[in-house]
């Protein structure tokens, strides 16, 4: 699209443009200008000073993305982006005062709008974590899950606690708790991770049958390593009767997705695999 060339006030066409109602003017400019052009126009005339703000009404998420990414003609502006995210979230987080140094900081949530925009809560969590504001970042990810059942936010919390991301102390119990919440909600990676928690006894008692149940749920949705884990369970008789033939069927599904462990398992069980899985020889190249 050709760049816009806006006229000065003395130009007849510009006078016609300025005579439009403010709402129609904003909509007209938004239709033909990107955020950067609107920002520059806001500096041209006093009557246009709120143009970017007015144009952003109802489009705050799009404007926020542009400010965070430095796209659509705007420079990166985290301060303004955070202001917009807080407005979109519709919730205020209140921090408690610690009585002593060993006590964990807790947060409560105050609802300020009936319109909760859950992606804004999740993005606030990610932004604060990247800025090393760990406690508030965690609080916003939790808000995204609590207010909007954001399963990805729940899964991210599990990963953070498992791997100690963002310099947060690893906590296997919290990791397992959040993986379980994500799994119950239907998050495919959450299912696979919680299955592993059940298998290894991470943050809970080990249980091969429960592990297999979650692995199968993830595998049926196409999770490659979960397919491998199901195959391994059949090969090693963990939670099910031993069956190399059944193991090969599950290994093959994962191998088709490029899972190296499953390819190695099919090579190891090749004599059985070539009988129960047509085409496995072509897959393995021998």
Foldseek 3Di string as FASTA:
>chain_A
DDDDDADDPVDPVNVVLVPDPPLVSLVVCVVRAWLQVLCVVLVVDVVSVCSSVSNCVVVLVVVLVCQCVVDRNGGNDVVVSLVSLVVQQQKDKDWDDDPDPPDDIDIDIDGRDPRGDLVSLLVNLVVCLVVLVNVSSLVSLVVSCVVPVPLVSLQVQLVCQCVVPSVRHRDQLSNLVSLVSSLVVPNLVSLLVNLVCQCVVGNHHHAQQSSLVSLVSSVVVPDLVSLQVNLVCQCVVRNHDHDNLVSLVSLVSSVVVVDPVSLVSCVVVVVNNVVNPPPNCVSNVD
